[in-house]
Amino acid sequence: MLLGLSKIIDCPGGVVPFETSLDLSQMEFGGSCPISEPVHAVGQVRNTAGVLVLTGDVTTRLHGVCDRCAKPFERDFAVSLEAVLVTKVESDGLEDPWTFELDGDNADLDDILTTAVVLNMDSKLLCSEDCKGLCPRCGADLNLGPCSCKPEPDPRLAVLQQLLKK
């Protein structure tokens, strides 16, 4: 979606609100497509002393499989967004991922929102931050409680273990 900003480009203090939805259901993260619901965004673009600043909130619901315990989960995803919109990006070698070039007098909201989601998505999809995962030996879900496996002794201390046997 292109957001027309011609009314505020030369008008300090001007504001253009926006509300949009974006379909990112085909976007792959870690071998899956966890964004099956539309990404919803609400915000505004404000001309602050000649600088166009986009602020807003991006929300959706993730549907995925936990990378630690392999259970399916649903979790809310929300991120606050702040970006600078410029008429021409100077190629100084230091590209800022939160600076976007205008397309004429329009901001490409699809590009900005996709960048916000990608840069704020966790590298590992987890059902919860404190997920304990699965036991590497027996495969028991450690979130339900400890498994019956005995801890493997450190091989560097195996000589000391032999002393205890005598």
Protein backbone atom coordinates (compact mmCIF):
# COMPACT_ATOMS: atom_id res chain seq x y z
CA MET A 1 0.00 0.00 0.00
CA LEU A 2 1.30 3.41 -0.93
CA LEU A 3 0.62 6.16 1.60
CA GLY A 4 0.31 9.62 0.02
CA LEU A 5 2.36 12.22 1.87
CA SER A 6 2.18 15.20 -0.52
CA LYS A 7 0.06 17.17 2.02
CA ILE A 8 2.78 17.14 4.70
CA ILE A 9 6.12 17.04 2.84
CA ASP A 10 6.42 20.85 2.91
CA CYS A 11 4.25 21.38 6.00
CA PRO A 12 6.11 21.06 9.35
CA GLY A 13 3.76 19.71 12.01
CA GLY A 14 1.56 17.96 9.45
CA VAL A 15 0.29 14.45 10.20
CA VAL A 16 -1.03 11.65 7.99
CA PRO A 17 -2.56 8.69 9.89
CA PHE A 18 -2.69 5.18 8.46
CA GLU A 19 -4.21 1.79 9.19
CA THR A 20 -3.54 -1.22 7.00
CA SER A 21 -3.28 -5.00 6.88
CA LEU A 22 -0.63 -7.02 5.10
CA ASP A 23 -0.56 -10.70 4.12
CA LEU A 24 2.80 -12.30 4.97
CA SER A 25 1.49 -15.88 5.08
CA GLN A 26 3.98 -17.04 2.43
CA MET A 27 7.02 -15.60 4.25
CA GLU A 28 9.27 -18.37 5.55
CA PHE A 29 11.10 -18.27 8.90
CA GLY A 30 13.26 -21.25 9.88
CA GLY A 31 11.56 -23.64 7.48
CA SER A 32 7.98 -22.70 8.39
CA CYS A 33 5.47 -19.95 7.67
CA PRO A 34 4.31 -18.84 11.14
CA ILE A 35 2.44 -15.69 10.05
CA SER A 36 -0.82 -17.18 8.81
CA GLU A 37 -2.99 -14.29 10.02
CA PRO A 38 -2.84 -10.77 8.52
CA VAL A 39 -0.31 -8.32 9.93
CA HIS A 40 -2.21 -5.27 11.18
CA ALA A 41 -0.56 -1.83 11.44
CA VAL A 42 -1.81 1.47 12.85
CA GLY A 43 0.20 4.66 13.02
CA GLN A 44 1.02 8.02 11.54
CA VAL A 45 3.61 9.94 9.57
CA ARG A 46 4.53 13.30 11.09
CA ASN A 47 6.60 16.08 9.57
CA THR A 48 8.89 17.10 12.43
CA ALA A 49 11.00 20.12 11.45
CA GLY A 50 11.15 18.92 7.85
CA VAL A 51 11.88 15.26 8.72
CA LEU A 52 9.16 12.71 7.99
CA VAL A 53 8.92 10.26 10.90
CA LEU A 54 6.68 7.21 10.68
CA THR A 55 5.54 5.73 14.01
CA GLY A 56 3.12 2.92 14.62
CA ASP A 57 2.32 -0.47 16.06
CA VAL A 58 2.44 -3.73 14.14
CA THR A 59 0.54 -6.78 15.45
CA THR A 60 -0.30 -10.31 14.36
CA ARG A 61 -0.59 -13.81 15.80
CA LEU A 62 2.12 -16.41 15.18
CA HIS A 63 1.22 -20.05 14.54
CA GLY A 64 4.30 -22.22 14.69
CA VAL A 65 6.11 -25.24 16.04
CA CYS A 66 8.50 -24.69 18.95
CA ASP A 67 12.16 -25.14 18.00
CA ARG A 68 12.93 -26.65 21.44
CA CYS A 69 10.00 -28.92 22.35
CA ALA A 70 8.42 -29.43 18.88
CA LYS A 71 4.90 -28.59 20.12
CA PRO A 72 2.60 -26.39 18.07
CA PHE A 73 1.88 -22.98 19.60
CA GLU A 74 0.05 -19.71 19.03
CA ARG A 75 1.51 -16.47 20.33
CA ASP A 76 0.83 -12.77 19.85
CA PHE A 77 3.50 -10.77 18.00
CA ALA A 78 3.66 -7.02 18.49
CA VAL A 79 6.31 -4.45 17.67
CA SER A 80 6.48 -0.67 17.87
CA LEU A 81 7.79 0.94 14.74
CA GLU A 82 9.70 4.15 14.17
CA ALA A 83 11.23 4.94 10.80
CA VAL A 84 12.53 7.97 8.93
CA LEU A 85 11.25 8.64 5.42
CA VAL A 86 13.56 10.47 3.02
CA THR A 87 13.26 11.65 -0.57
CA LYS A 88 16.69 10.29 -1.53
CA VAL A 89 18.91 7.79 0.28
CA GLU A 90 22.52 8.90 0.32
CA SER A 91 24.88 5.99 -0.30
CA ASP A 92 27.38 6.64 2.48
CA GLY A 93 28.05 2.95 3.15
CA LEU A 94 26.19 3.11 6.48
CA GLU A 95 22.72 1.97 5.55
CA ASP A 96 20.18 2.36 8.34
CA PRO A 97 17.47 -0.33 8.16
CA TRP A 98 14.97 2.19 9.59
CA THR A 99 15.41 4.79 6.83
CA PHE A 100 13.15 4.34 3.82
CA GLU A 101 13.12 6.19 0.53
CA LEU A 102 9.87 7.71 -0.67
CA ASP A 103 8.43 6.67 -4.01
CA GLY A 104 7.67 10.15 -5.32
CA ASP A 105 5.44 11.60 -2.58
CA ASN A 106 4.39 8.17 -1.31
CA ALA A 107 5.65 5.80 1.39
CA ASP A 108 5.57 2.08 0.57
CA LEU A 109 3.93 0.73 3.75
CA ASP A 110 4.21 -2.90 2.58
CA ASP A 111 8.01 -2.60 2.39
CA ILE A 112 8.27 -0.80 5.74
CA LEU A 113 6.00 -3.27 7.56
CA THR A 114 7.71 -6.32 6.04
CA THR A 115 11.09 -4.97 7.16
CA ALA A 116 9.75 -4.34 10.67
CA VAL A 117 8.42 -7.89 10.97
CA VAL A 118 11.56 -9.53 9.57
CA LEU A 119 13.97 -7.54 11.75
CA ASN A 120 11.94 -8.16 14.92
CA MET A 121 11.17 -11.85 14.39
CA ASP A 122 13.02 -14.16 16.79
CA SER A 123 15.71 -16.33 15.20
CA LYS A 124 14.21 -19.34 17.00
CA LEU A 125 10.45 -19.75 17.30
CA LEU A 126 9.68 -20.79 20.87
CA CYS A 127 6.38 -21.58 22.58
CA SER A 128 7.61 -19.56 25.57
CA GLU A 129 10.86 -17.88 26.58
CA ASP A 130 11.47 -20.43 29.35
CA CYS A 131 10.82 -23.56 27.23
CA LYS A 132 13.13 -26.34 28.47
CA GLY A 133 12.89 -28.43 25.33
CA LEU A 134 13.38 -32.19 25.02
CA CYS A 135 15.87 -34.50 26.74
CA PRO A 136 18.61 -35.27 24.19
CA ARG A 137 18.74 -38.93 25.31
CA CYS A 138 15.18 -40.10 25.92
CA GLY A 139 13.19 -37.36 24.17
CA ALA A 140 11.01 -36.54 27.21
CA ASP A 141 9.40 -33.09 27.31
CA LEU A 142 11.33 -31.30 30.08
CA ASN A 143 8.55 -28.72 30.41
CA LEU A 144 6.38 -31.44 32.01
CA GLY A 145 9.07 -32.37 34.55
CA PRO A 146 12.52 -33.96 34.75
CA CYS A 147 13.17 -37.19 32.90
CA SER A 148 14.55 -40.39 34.44
CA CYS A 149 17.93 -40.18 32.67
CA LYS A 150 20.97 -40.04 34.90
CA PRO A 151 23.40 -37.23 34.09
CA GLU A 152 26.36 -38.38 32.08
CA PRO A 153 29.62 -37.93 34.04
CA ASP A 154 32.27 -35.63 32.68
CA PRO A 155 34.80 -37.83 30.81
CA ARG A 156 37.64 -35.72 32.21
CA LEU A 157 36.70 -36.94 35.69
CA ALA A 158 36.32 -40.63 34.76
CA VAL A 159 39.60 -41.49 36.53
CA LEU A 160 38.20 -40.10 39.79
CA GLN A 161 35.04 -42.18 39.35
CA GLN A 162 37.23 -45.33 39.29
CA LEU A 163 38.64 -44.35 42.70
CA LEU A 164 35.13 -44.31 44.16
CA LYS A 165 34.51 -47.87 42.94
CA LYS A 166 37.45 -49.25 44.98
